[in-house]
Protein backbone atom coordinates (compact mmCIF):
# COMPACT_ATOMS: atom_id res chain seq x y z
CA MET A 1 0.00 0.00 0.00
CA GLY A 2 2.83 2.37 0.80
CA LEU A 3 6.38 2.90 1.99
CA ALA A 4 8.14 5.54 4.05
CA GLY A 5 11.85 5.81 4.59
CA PHE A 6 14.39 7.95 6.36
CA LYS A 7 18.00 8.92 5.90
CA SER A 8 20.69 8.18 8.46
CA ALA A 9 24.46 7.86 8.59
CA GLN A 10 24.01 4.19 7.60
CA GLY A 11 22.10 4.88 4.39
CA SER A 12 18.81 5.99 3.00
CA PHE A 13 15.50 4.88 1.54
CA ALA A 14 16.23 6.40 -1.85
CA GLY A 15 19.91 5.58 -1.93
CA GLY A 16 20.30 3.73 -5.21
CA SER A 17 23.79 3.38 -6.59
CA GLU A 18 25.23 4.37 -9.95
CA ALA A 19 25.01 0.69 -10.91
CA ASP A 20 21.26 0.81 -10.24
CA LEU A 21 20.93 3.85 -12.50
CA ARG A 22 22.99 2.18 -15.25
CA ALA A 23 20.72 -0.87 -15.10
CA VAL A 24 17.72 1.36 -15.83
CA TYR A 25 19.21 4.07 -18.10
CA GLY A 26 22.20 2.33 -19.67
CA PRO A 27 25.91 3.03 -19.12
CA ILE A 28 25.94 6.64 -20.32
CA GLY A 29 22.51 7.68 -19.05
CA GLY A 30 23.17 6.10 -15.68
CA ARG A 31 26.52 7.82 -15.25
CA TRP A 32 25.35 11.37 -15.92
CA ARG A 33 22.21 10.93 -13.84
CA ALA A 34 24.31 9.67 -10.92
CA GLN A 35 26.54 12.75 -11.17
CA LEU A 36 23.54 15.09 -11.16
CA LEU A 37 21.87 13.29 -8.26
CA ARG A 38 25.06 13.64 -6.23
CA LEU A 39 24.77 17.40 -6.66
CA LEU A 40 21.19 17.37 -5.38
CA GLY A 41 21.17 14.74 -2.67
CA ASN A 42 24.30 14.59 -0.54
CA ASP A 43 23.01 16.52 2.37
CA ALA A 44 23.04 15.56 6.01
CA ASP A 45 21.23 16.93 9.03
CA SER A 46 22.27 15.76 12.47
CA SER A 47 19.67 17.83 14.33
CA ARG A 48 16.52 16.77 12.44
CA PHE A 49 15.17 13.36 11.41
CA LEU A 50 15.17 13.20 7.60
CA LEU A 51 12.20 11.75 5.75
CA ASP A 52 13.81 10.41 2.59
CA GLY A 53 10.78 9.12 0.74
CA LEU A 54 7.08 8.47 1.08
CA CYS A 55 5.16 6.52 -1.55
CA VAL A 56 1.52 5.48 -1.61
CA SER A 57 -0.07 3.22 -4.22
CA ASP A 58 -2.48 4.98 -6.57
CA THR A 59 -5.20 2.52 -5.57
CA VAL A 60 -5.27 3.68 -1.93
CA ARG A 61 -4.48 7.38 -2.21
CA GLY A 62 -6.86 9.55 -0.26
CA GLN A 63 -7.58 6.81 2.29
CA GLY A 64 -5.18 7.93 5.03
CA VAL A 65 -2.21 5.69 4.20
CA GLY A 66 0.13 8.65 3.63
CA THR A 67 -0.94 10.22 6.90
CA LEU A 68 -0.27 7.00 8.81
CA LEU A 69 3.14 6.59 7.21
CA LEU A 70 4.04 10.20 7.90
CA GLU A 71 3.01 9.88 11.54
CA ALA A 72 5.08 6.69 11.84
CA ILE A 73 8.13 8.65 10.64
CA VAL A 74 7.40 11.38 13.19
CA ALA A 75 7.10 8.76 15.94
CA GLU A 76 10.39 7.14 14.86
CA GLY A 77 12.13 10.52 14.90
CA ARG A 78 10.79 11.20 18.38
CA ALA A 79 11.90 7.74 19.58
CA ARG A 80 15.40 8.45 18.26
CA GLY A 81 15.57 11.71 20.22
CA TYR A 82 15.14 14.24 17.41
CA SER A 83 13.30 17.50 18.01
CA ALA A 84 12.04 17.88 14.42
CA VAL A 85 11.43 16.03 11.17
CA ARG A 86 12.65 17.47 7.88
CA LEU A 87 11.66 16.60 4.33
CA ASP A 88 12.02 17.97 0.83
CA VAL A 89 9.16 18.10 -1.65
CA VAL A 90 9.41 19.23 -5.27
CA ASP A 91 7.35 22.16 -6.46
CA THR A 92 5.32 19.99 -8.85
CA ASN A 93 4.01 17.71 -6.08
CA ALA A 94 1.22 19.88 -4.68
CA ARG A 95 -0.71 16.90 -3.30
CA ALA A 96 2.21 15.75 -1.14
CA ARG A 97 2.90 19.30 0.03
CA ALA A 98 -0.74 19.67 1.06
CA LEU A 99 -0.51 16.45 3.11
CA TYR A 100 2.66 17.66 4.83
CA GLU A 101 1.09 21.03 5.62
CA ARG A 102 -2.03 19.35 7.07
CA ARG A 103 0.28 17.32 9.35
CA GLY A 104 2.07 20.42 10.70
CA PHE A 105 5.05 20.83 8.35
CA VAL A 106 5.97 24.36 7.27
CA VAL A 107 8.27 25.51 4.48
CA ASP A 108 11.68 26.48 5.84
CA ARG A 109 13.29 27.34 2.51
CA THR A 110 12.92 26.83 -1.23
CA GLU A 111 15.84 26.08 -3.53
CA ALA A 112 15.63 26.45 -7.29
CA ILE A 113 17.56 23.90 -9.33
CA GLY A 114 18.16 26.18 -12.33
CA PRO A 115 18.74 24.51 -15.69
CA LEU A 116 18.50 21.06 -14.11
CA ARG A 117 14.74 21.61 -14.26
CA LEU A 118 14.94 20.58 -17.92
CA ILE A 119 16.24 17.15 -16.88
CA PHE A 120 14.28 16.46 -13.71
CA GLY A 121 10.92 18.04 -14.58
CA PHE A 122 10.65 20.32 -11.55
CA SER A 123 12.03 23.80 -10.85
CA ALA A 124 12.54 23.89 -7.10
CA ALA A 125 12.45 21.87 -3.90
CA HIS A 126 10.79 23.04 -0.70
CA THR A 127 12.41 22.03 2.57
CA MET A 128 9.71 21.54 5.18
CA ILE A 129 10.09 21.14 8.95
CA ARG A 130 7.81 19.83 11.69
CA PRO A 131 8.80 20.12 15.34
CA ILE A 132 8.16 16.97 17.38
């Protein structure tokens, strides 16, 4: 029905390797995508629990699965001693942003990705924070 993941010093939910990208996009496509993703995703945050991905099947969207997964991440962050949860959501994902806002997340900053928007299909990412 859905998955939620977080990022820690040991790894991340969305931490595919360059080999994974090559398997999907071929040797050249995988290599340049890996380089670009390194520019976007190598960030760490020792003071806030990082939600690294939340996915809900199309067949159950709107039935509370995303809310339950999000609250499980908040509970895990609290159990690990964090004072806040942080996530990033792209500007084209209004539905996810609305869910996060309903659950108490607020935009902390927005970062444009410039010409990379032509490759990734979005123009900016919003960093959102929820105190716990």
